[in-house]
Structures are given as structure tokens and as C-alpha cells.
Amino acid sequence: MSIHAINHVQLGFPAGRHAQLRHFYTELLGLPEVDPGDGRTLRFRAGPQRIDLVPVEGWRPPQRAPRLALEVRNLPGLRARLADAGLAVDESRVLPGHLRFYAQDPAGNGLEFLEPLQADGGAA
């Protein structure tokens, strides 16, 4: 047996906030939505992996540590798009060899966005 990939990640969100989450993941992050067929779950494709969002009654976002890290091409462009949408980004934690920032989706789920730097110092 060998584990060679992550198939999907499942995150919760407050029931009734489908439109806000859909806008964030499709319009701001540019991820294609996939119909899961259950009428409740939101599902987005991130390369060969998925991000599934499930409505939860009485939802409270996780505190501090849990987060989903997404590798991005053109991180400055994504940062500008999120900032233009009025979302806060946190660039306070430097990661050598990477461009990186943190943000939250409309449900309060922690997200990390990073882009490896090329050996010559330019963005990948």
C-alpha cells in the first residue's frame, strides 16, 4: 500500500451561506465548481484534487491552527484580487523560497496561499 495523493479536503461552513462561498471559490480563486449531486455540498476542483464544503448548523470556524494550503501561480495577482474584494491578507510570516500570504474564506476557514520562487529569485 502507498498513499500518493490527496483526493479531497472537506471544510465546513455556516448553513445558508452557499452564495458567498461559491463567489469566493469560483470568482476570486478561479476554481471550477463541480456538481456533487446532493444539493447541499459545494465542490470545487483544484487541479486533480477537490475542495468540498459542507453546510453545518451552528458552524463556528476552527481556531488558529487548521488551514488549507494552496500552491498558486501568480500569487501577486491573486493577492490583488482578494484585496480588491475587501478581504484581509496576512503576509507577516515569511517562508524562505516562497511568496506566501494567509486569508480566510467567508466561513472563516484558514487558507494559506504560496508560490515557490525559482532558483534565480523570480516567481515560478
N, C-alpha and C. Protein backbone atom coordinates (compact mmCIF):
# COMPACT_ATOMS: atom_id res chain seq x y z
N MET A 1 0.84 -1.18 0.00
CA MET A 1 0.00 0.00 0.00
C MET A 1 0.88 1.24 0.00
N SER A 2 0.45 2.25 -0.76
CA SER A 2 1.12 3.55 -0.70
C SER A 2 0.10 4.64 -0.92
N ILE A 3 0.23 5.69 -0.17
CA ILE A 3 -0.62 6.86 -0.35
C ILE A 3 0.16 7.82 -1.21
N HIS A 4 -0.42 8.22 -2.34
CA HIS A 4 0.33 9.03 -3.29
C HIS A 4 -0.31 10.38 -3.60
N ALA A 5 -1.49 10.65 -3.07
CA ALA A 5 -2.12 11.94 -3.36
C ALA A 5 -3.26 12.19 -2.39
N ILE A 6 -3.64 13.44 -2.27
CA ILE A 6 -4.85 13.80 -1.53
C ILE A 6 -5.98 13.88 -2.55
N ASN A 7 -7.05 13.17 -2.31
CA ASN A 7 -8.20 13.18 -3.21
C ASN A 7 -9.03 14.44 -3.01
N HIS A 8 -9.35 14.75 -1.75
CA HIS A 8 -10.11 15.95 -1.46
C HIS A 8 -9.94 16.38 -0.01
N VAL A 9 -10.31 17.60 0.25
CA VAL A 9 -10.34 18.17 1.58
C VAL A 9 -11.78 18.60 1.82
N GLN A 10 -12.28 18.37 3.03
CA GLN A 10 -13.64 18.78 3.35
C GLN A 10 -13.60 19.83 4.45
N LEU A 11 -14.26 20.96 4.19
CA LEU A 11 -14.34 22.06 5.14
C LEU A 11 -15.81 22.36 5.41
N GLY A 12 -16.09 22.86 6.60
CA GLY A 12 -17.45 23.23 6.95
C GLY A 12 -17.71 24.70 6.66
N PHE A 13 -18.99 25.05 6.64
CA PHE A 13 -19.39 26.46 6.53
C PHE A 13 -20.79 26.62 7.11
N PRO A 14 -21.16 27.85 7.49
CA PRO A 14 -22.49 28.07 8.06
C PRO A 14 -23.57 27.78 7.02
N ALA A 15 -24.55 27.00 7.40
CA ALA A 15 -25.67 26.70 6.51
C ALA A 15 -26.28 28.00 6.01
N GLY A 16 -26.64 28.05 4.72
CA GLY A 16 -27.27 29.23 4.14
C GLY A 16 -26.30 30.22 3.52
N ARG A 17 -24.99 29.95 3.56
CA ARG A 17 -24.01 30.90 3.01
C ARG A 17 -23.40 30.38 1.71
N HIS A 18 -24.16 29.57 0.97
CA HIS A 18 -23.68 28.98 -0.28
C HIS A 18 -23.19 30.04 -1.27
N ALA A 19 -23.98 31.11 -1.45
CA ALA A 19 -23.65 32.11 -2.46
C ALA A 19 -22.32 32.79 -2.17
N GLN A 20 -22.07 33.13 -0.91
CA GLN A 20 -20.80 33.78 -0.55
C GLN A 20 -19.61 32.86 -0.80
N LEU A 21 -19.75 31.60 -0.41
CA LEU A 21 -18.66 30.64 -0.61
C LEU A 21 -18.44 30.37 -2.09
N ARG A 22 -19.53 30.23 -2.84
CA ARG A 22 -19.43 29.99 -4.28
C ARG A 22 -18.69 31.15 -4.96
N HIS A 23 -19.05 32.38 -4.61
CA HIS A 23 -18.39 33.56 -5.18
C HIS A 23 -16.89 33.55 -4.85
N PHE A 24 -16.56 33.29 -3.60
CA PHE A 24 -15.16 33.30 -3.18
C PHE A 24 -14.34 32.27 -3.96
N TYR A 25 -14.81 31.03 -3.99
CA TYR A 25 -14.02 29.96 -4.60
C TYR A 25 -14.01 30.01 -6.13
N THR A 26 -15.12 30.43 -6.75
CA THR A 26 -15.14 30.47 -8.21
C THR A 26 -14.62 31.80 -8.76
N GLU A 27 -15.17 32.91 -8.27
CA GLU A 27 -14.82 34.21 -8.84
C GLU A 27 -13.47 34.73 -8.36
N LEU A 28 -13.21 34.62 -7.06
CA LEU A 28 -11.96 35.17 -6.54
C LEU A 28 -10.78 34.21 -6.69
N LEU A 29 -10.99 32.93 -6.39
CA LEU A 29 -9.90 31.96 -6.52
C LEU A 29 -9.81 31.34 -7.90
N GLY A 30 -10.89 31.40 -8.68
CA GLY A 30 -10.87 30.86 -10.03
C GLY A 30 -10.97 29.34 -10.12
N LEU A 31 -11.53 28.70 -9.11
CA LEU A 31 -11.66 27.24 -9.14
C LEU A 31 -12.99 26.85 -9.80
N PRO A 32 -12.96 25.86 -10.68
CA PRO A 32 -14.21 25.41 -11.29
C PRO A 32 -15.06 24.63 -10.29
N GLU A 33 -16.36 24.89 -10.32
CA GLU A 33 -17.29 24.18 -9.45
C GLU A 33 -17.74 22.90 -10.12
N VAL A 34 -17.87 21.86 -9.32
CA VAL A 34 -18.35 20.56 -9.78
C VAL A 34 -19.62 20.25 -9.00
N ASP A 35 -20.66 19.78 -9.68
CA ASP A 35 -21.92 19.47 -9.01
C ASP A 35 -21.79 18.13 -8.30
N PRO A 36 -21.88 18.12 -6.95
CA PRO A 36 -21.79 16.85 -6.23
C PRO A 36 -23.08 16.04 -6.28
N GLY A 37 -24.16 16.67 -6.74
CA GLY A 37 -25.42 15.96 -6.91
C GLY A 37 -26.28 15.83 -5.67
N ASP A 38 -25.87 16.44 -4.55
CA ASP A 38 -26.68 16.30 -3.34
C ASP A 38 -27.46 17.57 -2.99
N GLY A 39 -27.22 18.68 -3.73
CA GLY A 39 -27.94 19.92 -3.49
C GLY A 39 -27.52 20.68 -2.25
N ARG A 40 -26.53 20.19 -1.49
CA ARG A 40 -26.07 20.85 -0.26
C ARG A 40 -24.60 21.20 -0.32
N THR A 41 -23.81 20.23 -0.69
CA THR A 41 -22.36 20.38 -0.69
C THR A 41 -21.91 21.25 -1.85
N LEU A 42 -20.91 22.09 -1.60
CA LEU A 42 -20.23 22.81 -2.67
C LEU A 42 -18.94 22.07 -2.95
N ARG A 43 -18.63 21.88 -4.22
CA ARG A 43 -17.43 21.12 -4.60
C ARG A 43 -16.69 21.88 -5.67
N PHE A 44 -15.37 22.04 -5.46
CA PHE A 44 -14.53 22.77 -6.40
C PHE A 44 -13.32 21.93 -6.76
N ARG A 45 -12.88 22.05 -7.98
CA ARG A 45 -11.73 21.31 -8.48
C ARG A 45 -10.50 22.19 -8.34
N ALA A 46 -9.44 21.63 -7.74
CA ALA A 46 -8.15 22.31 -7.60
C ALA A 46 -7.10 21.38 -8.19
N GLY A 47 -6.88 21.50 -9.50
CA GLY A 47 -6.02 20.53 -10.19
C GLY A 47 -6.72 19.18 -10.12
N PRO A 48 -5.99 18.13 -9.79
CA PRO A 48 -6.62 16.81 -9.69
C PRO A 48 -7.33 16.57 -8.35
N GLN A 49 -7.23 17.52 -7.42
CA GLN A 49 -7.86 17.38 -6.12
C GLN A 49 -9.16 18.18 -6.06
N ARG A 50 -9.91 17.95 -4.97
CA ARG A 50 -11.16 18.66 -4.76
C ARG A 50 -11.16 19.35 -3.41
N ILE A 51 -11.93 20.43 -3.34
CA ILE A 51 -12.26 21.07 -2.07
C ILE A 51 -13.77 20.95 -1.93
N ASP A 52 -14.21 20.21 -0.93
CA ASP A 52 -15.63 20.04 -0.65
C ASP A 52 -15.99 20.91 0.55
N LEU A 53 -17.07 21.66 0.43
CA LEU A 53 -17.57 22.49 1.52
C LEU A 53 -18.95 22.01 1.90
N VAL A 54 -19.13 21.71 3.18
CA VAL A 54 -20.36 21.11 3.66
C VAL A 54 -21.03 22.05 4.67
N PRO A 55 -22.33 22.37 4.46
CA PRO A 55 -23.02 23.24 5.41
C PRO A 55 -23.20 22.54 6.76
N VAL A 56 -22.97 23.32 7.83
CA VAL A 56 -23.07 22.79 9.18
C VAL A 56 -23.92 23.74 10.01
N GLU A 57 -24.97 23.22 10.62
CA GLU A 57 -25.80 24.03 11.52
C GLU A 57 -24.97 24.40 12.75
N GLY A 58 -25.06 25.65 13.18
CA GLY A 58 -24.31 26.09 14.35
C GLY A 58 -22.80 26.17 14.10
N TRP A 59 -22.39 26.36 12.87
CA TRP A 59 -20.97 26.39 12.48
C TRP A 59 -20.20 27.47 13.23
N ARG A 60 -19.02 27.11 13.67
CA ARG A 60 -18.04 28.05 14.20
C ARG A 60 -16.71 27.71 13.54
N PRO A 61 -16.01 28.70 12.99
CA PRO A 61 -14.75 28.40 12.30
C PRO A 61 -13.71 27.86 13.27
N PRO A 62 -12.81 27.01 12.75
CA PRO A 62 -11.75 26.47 13.61
C PRO A 62 -10.85 27.60 14.11
N GLN A 63 -10.34 27.43 15.30
CA GLN A 63 -9.45 28.44 15.88
C GLN A 63 -8.00 28.13 15.56
N ARG A 64 -7.33 29.06 14.97
CA ARG A 64 -5.89 29.12 14.79
C ARG A 64 -5.28 28.09 13.84
N ALA A 65 -4.96 26.89 14.28
CA ALA A 65 -4.06 26.01 13.55
C ALA A 65 -4.59 25.42 12.24
N PRO A 66 -5.79 24.87 12.17
CA PRO A 66 -6.19 24.21 10.92
C PRO A 66 -6.27 25.19 9.76
N ARG A 67 -5.73 24.78 8.61
CA ARG A 67 -5.83 25.59 7.41
C ARG A 67 -5.54 24.72 6.21
N LEU A 68 -5.98 25.18 5.08
CA LEU A 68 -5.73 24.54 3.80
C LEU A 68 -4.70 25.37 3.07
N ALA A 69 -3.60 24.76 2.65
CA ALA A 69 -2.55 25.48 1.92
C ALA A 69 -2.69 25.16 0.43
N LEU A 70 -2.74 26.20 -0.39
CA LEU A 70 -2.90 26.06 -1.83
C LEU A 70 -1.70 26.66 -2.55
N GLU A 71 -1.08 25.87 -3.42
CA GLU A 71 0.02 26.38 -4.23
C GLU A 71 -0.57 27.09 -5.44
N VAL A 72 -0.04 28.28 -5.72
CA VAL A 72 -0.64 29.18 -6.69
C VAL A 72 0.40 29.63 -7.72
N ARG A 73 -0.05 29.86 -8.93
CA ARG A 73 0.76 30.57 -9.92
C ARG A 73 0.25 32.01 -9.94
N ASN A 74 1.15 32.98 -9.99
CA ASN A 74 0.82 34.40 -9.97
C ASN A 74 0.17 34.80 -8.63
N LEU A 75 0.87 34.54 -7.57
CA LEU A 75 0.38 34.89 -6.24
C LEU A 75 0.10 36.39 -6.10
N PRO A 76 0.95 37.28 -6.64
CA PRO A 76 0.63 38.71 -6.53
C PRO A 76 -0.72 39.06 -7.17
N GLY A 77 -1.06 38.41 -8.28
CA GLY A 77 -2.35 38.66 -8.92
C GLY A 77 -3.51 38.22 -8.05
N LEU A 78 -3.38 37.06 -7.41
CA LEU A 78 -4.43 36.58 -6.50
C LEU A 78 -4.55 37.51 -5.30
N ARG A 79 -3.42 37.92 -4.75
CA ARG A 79 -3.43 38.83 -3.61
C ARG A 79 -4.19 40.11 -3.96
N ALA A 80 -3.91 40.68 -5.13
CA ALA A 80 -4.58 41.90 -5.56
C ALA A 80 -6.08 41.68 -5.72
N ARG A 81 -6.48 40.53 -6.29
CA ARG A 81 -7.91 40.23 -6.49
C ARG A 81 -8.62 40.15 -5.14
N LEU A 82 -8.00 39.47 -4.16
CA LEU A 82 -8.63 39.37 -2.84
C LEU A 82 -8.69 40.73 -2.15
N ALA A 83 -7.61 41.49 -2.24
CA ALA A 83 -7.59 42.84 -1.63
C ALA A 83 -8.64 43.74 -2.28
N ASP A 84 -8.78 43.67 -3.60
CA ASP A 84 -9.78 44.47 -4.30
C ASP A 84 -11.20 44.09 -3.85
N ALA A 85 -11.38 42.83 -3.43
CA ALA A 85 -12.69 42.38 -2.95
C ALA A 85 -12.89 42.72 -1.47
N GLY A 86 -11.91 43.41 -0.87
CA GLY A 86 -12.04 43.84 0.51
C GLY A 86 -11.66 42.80 1.54
N LEU A 87 -10.98 41.74 1.12
CA LEU A 87 -10.58 40.69 2.05
C LEU A 87 -9.20 40.98 2.63
N ALA A 88 -9.04 40.71 3.91
CA ALA A 88 -7.76 40.92 4.59
C ALA A 88 -6.80 39.79 4.23
N VAL A 89 -5.55 40.16 4.00
CA VAL A 89 -4.50 39.16 3.79
C VAL A 89 -3.40 39.41 4.82
N ASP A 90 -2.79 38.34 5.27
CA ASP A 90 -1.74 38.40 6.28
C ASP A 90 -0.45 37.91 5.64
N GLU A 91 0.50 38.81 5.49
CA GLU A 91 1.80 38.48 4.89
C GLU A 91 2.90 38.51 5.95
N SER A 92 2.55 38.35 7.21
CA SER A 92 3.50 38.55 8.30
C SER A 92 4.46 37.38 8.53
N ARG A 93 4.15 36.22 7.98
CA ARG A 93 5.01 35.05 8.23
C ARG A 93 5.74 34.66 6.95
N VAL A 94 7.02 34.96 6.91
CA VAL A 94 7.86 34.71 5.73
C VAL A 94 8.23 33.23 5.67
N LEU A 95 8.24 32.67 4.48
CA LEU A 95 8.69 31.31 4.25
C LEU A 95 9.80 31.38 3.21
N PRO A 96 11.06 31.13 3.59
CA PRO A 96 12.16 31.23 2.63
C PRO A 96 11.89 30.40 1.38
N GLY A 97 12.18 31.02 0.23
CA GLY A 97 11.99 30.34 -1.05
C GLY A 97 10.58 30.40 -1.60
N HIS A 98 9.70 31.14 -0.94
CA HIS A 98 8.30 31.22 -1.37
C HIS A 98 7.75 32.63 -1.20
N LEU A 99 6.79 32.96 -2.04
CA LEU A 99 5.88 34.06 -1.78
C LEU A 99 4.73 33.42 -1.01
N ARG A 100 4.17 34.12 -0.01
CA ARG A 100 3.12 33.50 0.79
C ARG A 100 2.26 34.55 1.47
N PHE A 101 0.96 34.24 1.60
CA PHE A 101 0.08 35.01 2.47
C PHE A 101 -1.04 34.11 2.97
N TYR A 102 -1.71 34.59 4.00
CA TYR A 102 -2.84 33.88 4.60
C TYR A 102 -4.10 34.72 4.44
N ALA A 103 -5.24 34.05 4.36
CA ALA A 103 -6.54 34.71 4.30
C ALA A 103 -7.57 33.74 4.86
N GLN A 104 -8.80 34.19 4.91
CA GLN A 104 -9.90 33.33 5.34
C GLN A 104 -10.99 33.37 4.28
N ASP A 105 -11.65 32.22 4.09
CA ASP A 105 -12.82 32.22 3.21
C ASP A 105 -13.99 32.84 3.98
N PRO A 106 -15.14 33.07 3.33
CA PRO A 106 -16.26 33.72 4.02
C PRO A 106 -16.80 32.94 5.22
N ALA A 107 -16.45 31.66 5.35
CA ALA A 107 -16.88 30.88 6.51
C ALA A 107 -15.87 30.95 7.65
N GLY A 108 -14.73 31.59 7.42
CA GLY A 108 -13.70 31.69 8.45
C GLY A 108 -12.67 30.58 8.40
N ASN A 109 -12.73 29.72 7.37
CA ASN A 109 -11.72 28.68 7.21
C ASN A 109 -10.38 29.32 6.86
N GLY A 110 -9.32 28.90 7.53
CA GLY A 110 -7.99 29.43 7.27
C GLY A 110 -7.41 28.89 5.98
N LEU A 111 -6.90 29.79 5.14
CA LEU A 111 -6.28 29.41 3.87
C LEU A 111 -4.89 30.01 3.79
N GLU A 112 -3.96 29.22 3.29
CA GLU A 112 -2.60 29.68 3.03
C GLU A 112 -2.38 29.58 1.53
N PHE A 113 -1.85 30.62 0.93
CA PHE A 113 -1.56 30.64 -0.50
C PHE A 113 -0.06 30.83 -0.65
N LEU A 114 0.59 29.96 -1.41
CA LEU A 114 2.02 30.09 -1.58
C LEU A 114 2.44 29.78 -3.00
N GLU A 115 3.56 30.41 -3.39
CA GLU A 115 4.14 30.21 -4.71
C GLU A 115 5.65 30.05 -4.53
N PRO A 116 6.20 28.89 -4.94
CA PRO A 116 7.64 28.72 -4.83
C PRO A 116 8.37 29.70 -5.75
N LEU A 117 9.51 30.17 -5.27
CA LEU A 117 10.37 31.02 -6.08
C LEU A 117 11.33 30.14 -6.88
N GLN A 118 11.67 30.59 -8.09
CA GLN A 118 12.66 29.88 -8.89
C GLN A 118 14.02 30.08 -8.29
N ALA A 119 14.97 29.24 -8.67
CA ALA A 119 16.34 29.33 -8.16
C ALA A 119 16.97 30.69 -8.45
N ASP A 120 16.54 31.35 -9.56
CA ASP A 120 17.12 32.65 -9.89
C ASP A 120 16.46 33.80 -9.14
N GLY A 121 15.50 33.48 -8.26
CA GLY A 121 14.87 34.51 -7.44
C GLY A 121 13.57 35.05 -8.01
N GLY A 122 13.17 34.62 -9.22
CA GLY A 122 11.90 35.08 -9.79
C GLY A 122 10.78 34.17 -9.38
N ALA A 123 9.57 34.63 -9.53
CA ALA A 123 8.40 33.81 -9.20
C ALA A 123 8.24 32.70 -10.20
N ALA A 124 7.83 31.52 -9.71
CA ALA A 124 7.62 30.36 -10.59
C ALA A 124 6.39 30.55 -11.44
